[in-house]
């Protein structure tokens, strides 16, 4: 159900972006201008991750509602085990990141306990893309920027999360399965 809703939100945002763009609004006002691109060739299979926030809502209505869910979407959401490169693009107006955490059997994505600042425990993290225009860890991926990370993943279920203050509790998590 959540996947269907997230996909519908993504489709609505893309359609609205095209509609607004066709109405003559400069594209630079609709979304952050890309500041960099990931390398054209990364090892293994590639997963494209889109991070978004209220900046995307502004594309549709001109003003973001008081509470706008954040989003983290990965395509594809399932791959065979092995070397996987995550290419993470921040389409929102705020800084984000993507952390890969193992997801225990029986636990659903988005159900981790959080601390007082809305973050989850990163113990057991397998890696992250949190550097603007670079691989690996950093201070966060800025609006319009990309980051990437390459990992060797075994079969299992993983949760991709943005672990900045309150981003996880506001919807920035996604189930990723390795078979």
C-alpha atoms as a PDB file:
ATOM      1  CA  UNK A   1       0.000   0.000   0.000  1.00  0.00           C
ATOM      2  CA  UNK A   2       2.766   2.454   0.953  1.00  0.00           C
ATOM      3  CA  UNK A   3       4.687   1.641  -2.238  1.00  0.00           C
ATOM      4  CA  UNK A   4       1.605   2.346  -4.349  1.00  0.00           C
ATOM      5  CA  UNK A   5       1.011   5.662  -2.530  1.00  0.00           C
ATOM      6  CA  UNK A   6       4.666   6.681  -2.895  1.00  0.00           C
ATOM      7  CA  UNK A   7       4.630   5.817  -6.585  1.00  0.00           C
ATOM      8  CA  UNK A   8       1.437   7.835  -7.043  1.00  0.00           C
ATOM      9  CA  UNK A   9       3.036  10.850  -5.316  1.00  0.00           C
ATOM     10  CA  UNK A  10       6.085  10.554  -7.566  1.00  0.00           C
ATOM     11  CA  UNK A  11       3.906  10.374 -10.702  1.00  0.00           C
ATOM     12  CA  UNK A  12       1.834  13.395  -9.594  1.00  0.00           C
ATOM     13  CA  UNK A  13       4.997  15.408  -8.953  1.00  0.00           C
ATOM     14  CA  UNK A  14       6.438  14.505 -12.352  1.00  0.00           C
ATOM     15  CA  UNK A  15       3.180  15.333 -14.182  1.00  0.00           C
ATOM     16  CA  UNK A  16       2.862  18.624 -12.284  1.00  0.00           C
ATOM     17  CA  UNK A  17       6.460  19.475 -13.108  1.00  0.00           C
ATOM     18  CA  UNK A  18       5.789  18.954 -16.804  1.00  0.00           C
ATOM     19  CA  UNK A  19       2.532  20.912 -16.673  1.00  0.00           C
ATOM     20  CA  UNK A  20       4.094  23.863 -14.875  1.00  0.00           C
ATOM     21  CA  UNK A  21       7.101  23.747 -17.197  1.00  0.00           C
ATOM     22  CA  UNK A  22       4.808  23.842 -20.219  1.00  0.00           C
ATOM     23  CA  UNK A  23       3.004  26.877 -18.779  1.00  0.00           C
ATOM     24  CA  UNK A  24       6.172  28.906 -19.154  1.00  0.00           C
ATOM     25  CA  UNK A  25       7.519  28.860 -15.593  1.00  0.00           C
ATOM     26  CA  UNK A  26      11.313  28.753 -15.653  1.00  0.00           C
ATOM     27  CA  UNK A  27      12.562  25.305 -14.678  1.00  0.00           C
ATOM     28  CA  UNK A  28      14.994  26.834 -12.178  1.00  0.00           C
ATOM     29  CA  UNK A  29      11.998  27.925 -10.061  1.00  0.00           C
ATOM     30  CA  UNK A  30      10.471  24.443 -10.063  1.00  0.00           C
ATOM     31  CA  UNK A  31      13.357  22.424  -8.648  1.00  0.00           C
ATOM     32  CA  UNK A  32      16.970  22.831  -7.659  1.00  0.00           C
ATOM     33  CA  UNK A  33      19.352  23.074 -10.592  1.00  0.00           C
ATOM     34  CA  UNK A  34      21.588  19.973 -10.801  1.00  0.00           C
ATOM     35  CA  UNK A  35      24.977  20.904  -9.394  1.00  0.00           C
ATOM     36  CA  UNK A  36      26.854  17.736 -10.355  1.00  0.00           C
ATOM     37  CA  UNK A  37      26.472  14.299 -11.867  1.00  0.00           C
ATOM     38  CA  UNK A  38      27.671  10.948 -10.618  1.00  0.00           C
ATOM     39  CA  UNK A  39      30.340   9.105 -12.604  1.00  0.00           C
ATOM     40  CA  UNK A  40      28.936   7.631 -15.806  1.00  0.00           C
ATOM     41  CA  UNK A  41      30.266   4.204 -14.865  1.00  0.00           C
ATOM     42  CA  UNK A  42      30.055   2.722 -11.380  1.00  0.00           C
ATOM     43  CA  UNK A  43      30.783  -0.883 -10.362  1.00  0.00           C
ATOM     44  CA  UNK A  44      28.060  -3.548 -10.288  1.00  0.00           C
ATOM     45  CA  UNK A  45      24.352  -3.012 -10.699  1.00  0.00           C
ATOM     46  CA  UNK A  46      22.894   0.461 -10.263  1.00  0.00           C
ATOM     47  CA  UNK A  47      20.022   1.603  -8.062  1.00  0.00           C
ATOM     48  CA  UNK A  48      18.713   5.139  -8.580  1.00  0.00           C
ATOM     49  CA  UNK A  49      17.525   6.819  -5.387  1.00  0.00           C
ATOM     50  CA  UNK A  50      15.481  10.030  -5.404  1.00  0.00           C
ATOM     51  CA  UNK A  51      15.274  12.161  -2.266  1.00  0.00           C
ATOM     52  CA  UNK A  52      12.565  14.824  -2.036  1.00  0.00           C
ATOM     53  CA  UNK A  53      10.929  17.306   0.299  1.00  0.00           C
ATOM     54  CA  UNK A  54       8.694  20.369   0.433  1.00  0.00           C
ATOM     55  CA  UNK A  55      10.538  21.875  -2.493  1.00  0.00           C
ATOM     56  CA  UNK A  56       8.752  19.337  -4.650  1.00  0.00           C
ATOM     57  CA  UNK A  57       5.356  20.426  -3.262  1.00  0.00           C
ATOM     58  CA  UNK A  58       6.149  23.996  -4.251  1.00  0.00           C
ATOM     59  CA  UNK A  59       6.390  22.815  -7.846  1.00  0.00           C
ATOM     60  CA  UNK A  60       2.729  21.848  -7.717  1.00  0.00           C
ATOM     61  CA  UNK A  61       1.090  24.651  -5.757  1.00  0.00           C
ATOM     62  CA  UNK A  62       3.517  27.529  -5.386  1.00  0.00           C
ATOM     63  CA  UNK A  63       3.582  27.159  -1.592  1.00  0.00           C
ATOM     64  CA  UNK A  64       4.340  24.114   0.500  1.00  0.00           C
ATOM     65  CA  UNK A  65       1.694  22.975   2.993  1.00  0.00           C
ATOM     66  CA  UNK A  66       2.615  23.190   6.689  1.00  0.00           C
ATOM     67  CA  UNK A  67       3.220  19.432   6.841  1.00  0.00           C
ATOM     68  CA  UNK A  68       4.542  17.840   3.677  1.00  0.00           C
ATOM     69  CA  UNK A  69       5.835  14.287   3.757  1.00  0.00           C
ATOM     70  CA  UNK A  70       9.397  13.724   2.733  1.00  0.00           C
ATOM     71  CA  UNK A  71      10.205  10.963   0.278  1.00  0.00           C
ATOM     72  CA  UNK A  72      12.956   8.492  -0.493  1.00  0.00           C
ATOM     73  CA  UNK A  73      12.366   6.219  -3.502  1.00  0.00           C
ATOM     74  CA  UNK A  74      14.679   3.565  -4.991  1.00  0.00           C
ATOM     75  CA  UNK A  75      14.425   2.021  -8.471  1.00  0.00           C
ATOM     76  CA  UNK A  76      14.732  -0.889  -8.756  1.00  0.00           C
ATOM     77  CA  UNK A  77      13.785  -1.885  -5.215  1.00  0.00           C
ATOM     78  CA  UNK A  78      15.027  -5.481  -5.657  1.00  0.00           C
ATOM     79  CA  UNK A  79      18.278  -6.850  -7.104  1.00  0.00           C
ATOM     80  CA  UNK A  80      20.339 -10.043  -6.923  1.00  0.00           C
ATOM     81  CA  UNK A  81      23.162 -10.205  -4.367  1.00  0.00           C
ATOM     82  CA  UNK A  82      26.521  -8.730  -5.278  1.00  0.00           C
ATOM     83  CA  UNK A  83      28.065  -5.359  -5.960  1.00  0.00           C
ATOM     84  CA  UNK A  84      25.432  -2.598  -6.047  1.00  0.00           C
ATOM     85  CA  UNK A  85      26.021   1.108  -6.646  1.00  0.00           C
ATOM     86  CA  UNK A  86      23.427   3.505  -5.237  1.00  0.00           C
ATOM     87  CA  UNK A  87      23.207   6.784  -7.164  1.00  0.00           C
ATOM     88  CA  UNK A  88      21.380   9.250  -4.915  1.00  0.00           C
ATOM     89  CA  UNK A  89      19.924  12.508  -6.293  1.00  0.00           C
ATOM     90  CA  UNK A  90      18.495  15.194  -3.998  1.00  0.00           C
ATOM     91  CA  UNK A  91      15.490  16.686  -5.819  1.00  0.00           C
ATOM     92  CA  UNK A  92      14.343  18.697  -2.799  1.00  0.00           C
ATOM     93  CA  UNK A  93      15.356  22.034  -1.359  1.00  0.00           C
ATOM     94  CA  UNK A  94      16.819  20.682   1.889  1.00  0.00           C
ATOM     95  CA  UNK A  95      19.942  18.624   2.588  1.00  0.00           C
ATOM     96  CA  UNK A  96      19.400  14.837   2.748  1.00  0.00           C
ATOM     97  CA  UNK A  97      21.363  11.585   2.906  1.00  0.00           C
ATOM     98  CA  UNK A  98      20.863   7.869   2.312  1.00  0.00           C
ATOM     99  CA  UNK A  99      22.034   5.248   4.827  1.00  0.00           C
ATOM    100  CA  UNK A 100      21.770   1.471   4.181  1.00  0.00           C
ATOM    101  CA  UNK A 101      20.671  -0.499   7.262  1.00  0.00           C
ATOM    102  CA  UNK A 102      19.927  -4.237   7.513  1.00  0.00           C
ATOM    103  CA  UNK A 103      16.226  -4.852   8.198  1.00  0.00           C
ATOM    104  CA  UNK A 104      15.553  -7.737  10.604  1.00  0.00           C
ATOM    105  CA  UNK A 105      13.074 -10.433   9.594  1.00  0.00           C
ATOM    106  CA  UNK A 106       9.538  -9.579  10.573  1.00  0.00           C
ATOM    107  CA  UNK A 107      10.192  -5.836  10.792  1.00  0.00           C
ATOM    108  CA  UNK A 108       8.599  -3.432   8.315  1.00  0.00           C
ATOM    109  CA  UNK A 109      10.404  -0.435   6.855  1.00  0.00           C
ATOM    110  CA  UNK A 110       9.562   2.783   8.678  1.00  0.00           C
ATOM    111  CA  UNK A 111       9.011   1.111  12.049  1.00  0.00           C
ATOM    112  CA  UNK A 112      12.394   1.642  13.751  1.00  0.00           C
ATOM    113  CA  UNK A 113      12.543   3.285  17.149  1.00  0.00           C
ATOM    114  CA  UNK A 114      13.691   6.877  16.984  1.00  0.00           C
ATOM    115  CA  UNK A 115      15.519   9.134  19.417  1.00  0.00           C
ATOM    116  CA  UNK A 116      14.259  12.511  20.631  1.00  0.00           C
ATOM    117  CA  UNK A 117      15.560  14.143  17.459  1.00  0.00           C
ATOM    118  CA  UNK A 118      13.715  11.737  15.143  1.00  0.00           C
ATOM    119  CA  UNK A 119      16.806   9.738  14.145  1.00  0.00           C
ATOM    120  CA  UNK A 120      17.355   5.981  14.177  1.00  0.00           C
ATOM    121  CA  UNK A 121      20.302   4.010  15.521  1.00  0.00           C
ATOM    122  CA  UNK A 122      22.834   3.536  12.721  1.00  0.00           C
ATOM    123  CA  UNK A 123      24.591   0.607  14.420  1.00  0.00           C
ATOM    124  CA  UNK A 124      25.174  -2.020  11.752  1.00  0.00           C
ATOM    125  CA  UNK A 125      25.037   0.481   8.900  1.00  0.00           C
ATOM    126  CA  UNK A 126      26.566  -0.952   5.733  1.00  0.00           C
ATOM    127  CA  UNK A 127      27.362   2.415   4.179  1.00  0.00           C
ATOM    128  CA  UNK A 128      25.911   5.709   3.122  1.00  0.00           C
ATOM    129  CA  UNK A 129      25.739   8.330   0.429  1.00  0.00           C
ATOM    130  CA  UNK A 130      25.887  11.630   2.295  1.00  0.00           C
ATOM    131  CA  UNK A 131      28.484  13.646   0.408  1.00  0.00           C
ATOM    132  CA  UNK A 132      27.538  16.212  -2.232  1.00  0.00           C
ATOM    133  CA  UNK A 133      29.070  15.420  -5.617  1.00  0.00           C
ATOM    134  CA  UNK A 134      31.195  12.618  -4.139  1.00  0.00           C
ATOM    135  CA  UNK A 135      31.124   9.016  -2.959  1.00  0.00           C
ATOM    136  CA  UNK A 136      30.489   7.900   0.603  1.00  0.00           C
ATOM    137  CA  UNK A 137      30.096   9.857   3.817  1.00  0.00           C
ATOM    138  CA  UNK A 138      29.907  13.606   4.188  1.00  0.00           C
ATOM    139  CA  UNK A 139      27.822  16.399   5.640  1.00  0.00           C
ATOM    140  CA  UNK A 140      24.742  15.626   3.529  1.00  0.00           C
ATOM    141  CA  UNK A 141      23.709  15.844  -0.105  1.00  0.00           C
ATOM    142  CA  UNK A 142      22.786  19.442  -0.941  1.00  0.00           C
ATOM    143  CA  UNK A 143      19.753  20.408  -3.016  1.00  0.00           C
ATOM    144  CA  UNK A 144      20.339  19.520  -6.666  1.00  0.00           C
ATOM    145  CA  UNK A 145      23.427  17.457  -5.892  1.00  0.00           C
ATOM    146  CA  UNK A 146      24.108  13.750  -6.240  1.00  0.00           C
ATOM    147  CA  UNK A 147      26.055  11.366  -4.050  1.00  0.00           C
ATOM    148  CA  UNK A 148      26.836   7.703  -4.482  1.00  0.00           C
ATOM    149  CA  UNK A 149      28.059   4.619  -2.674  1.00  0.00           C
ATOM    150  CA  UNK A 150      29.008   1.135  -3.864  1.00  0.00           C
ATOM    151  CA  UNK A 151      28.394  -1.855  -1.560  1.00  0.00           C
ATOM    152  CA  UNK A 152      28.674  -5.630  -1.785  1.00  0.00           C
ATOM    153  CA  UNK A 153      25.313  -6.796  -0.436  1.00  0.00           C
ATOM    154  CA  UNK A 154      24.292 -10.295   0.579  1.00  0.00           C
ATOM    155  CA  UNK A 155      20.746 -11.644   0.244  1.00  0.00           C
ATOM    156  CA  UNK A 156      18.424  -9.979   2.727  1.00  0.00           C
ATOM    157  CA  UNK A 157      16.154  -7.065   3.403  1.00  0.00           C
ATOM    158  CA  UNK A 158      17.555  -3.591   3.870  1.00  0.00           C
ATOM    159  CA  UNK A 159      16.098  -0.224   4.749  1.00  0.00           C
ATOM    160  CA  UNK A 160      17.335   2.872   2.945  1.00  0.00           C
ATOM    161  CA  UNK A 161      16.882   5.871   5.254  1.00  0.00           C
ATOM    162  CA  UNK A 162      17.591   9.562   5.513  1.00  0.00           C
ATOM    163  CA  UNK A 163      18.776   9.893   9.099  1.00  0.00           C
ATOM    164  CA  UNK A 164      18.846  13.656   9.446  1.00  0.00           C
ATOM    165  CA  UNK A 165      16.695  15.233  12.181  1.00  0.00           C
ATOM    166  CA  UNK A 166      13.061  14.034  11.843  1.00  0.00           C
ATOM    167  CA  UNK A 167      13.491  12.933   8.204  1.00  0.00           C
ATOM    168  CA  UNK A 168      12.980   9.243   9.025  1.00  0.00           C
ATOM    169  CA  UNK A 169       9.796   9.849  11.008  1.00  0.00           C
ATOM    170  CA  UNK A 170       8.539  12.143   8.224  1.00  0.00           C
ATOM    171  CA  UNK A 171       8.707   9.347   5.637  1.00  0.00           C
ATOM    172  CA  UNK A 172      12.258   9.082   4.310  1.00  0.00           C
ATOM    173  CA  UNK A 173      12.676   5.311   4.336  1.00  0.00           C
ATOM    174  CA  UNK A 174      12.385   2.609   1.691  1.00  0.00           C
ATOM    175  CA  UNK A 175      12.538  -1.187   1.673  1.00  0.00           C
ATOM    176  CA  UNK A 176      15.290  -2.603  -0.546  1.00  0.00           C
ATOM    177  CA  UNK A 177      15.514  -6.371  -1.094  1.00  0.00           C
ATOM    178  CA  UNK A 178      18.552  -8.367  -2.209  1.00  0.00           C
ATOM    179  CA  UNK A 179      17.788 -11.918  -3.405  1.00  0.00           C
END
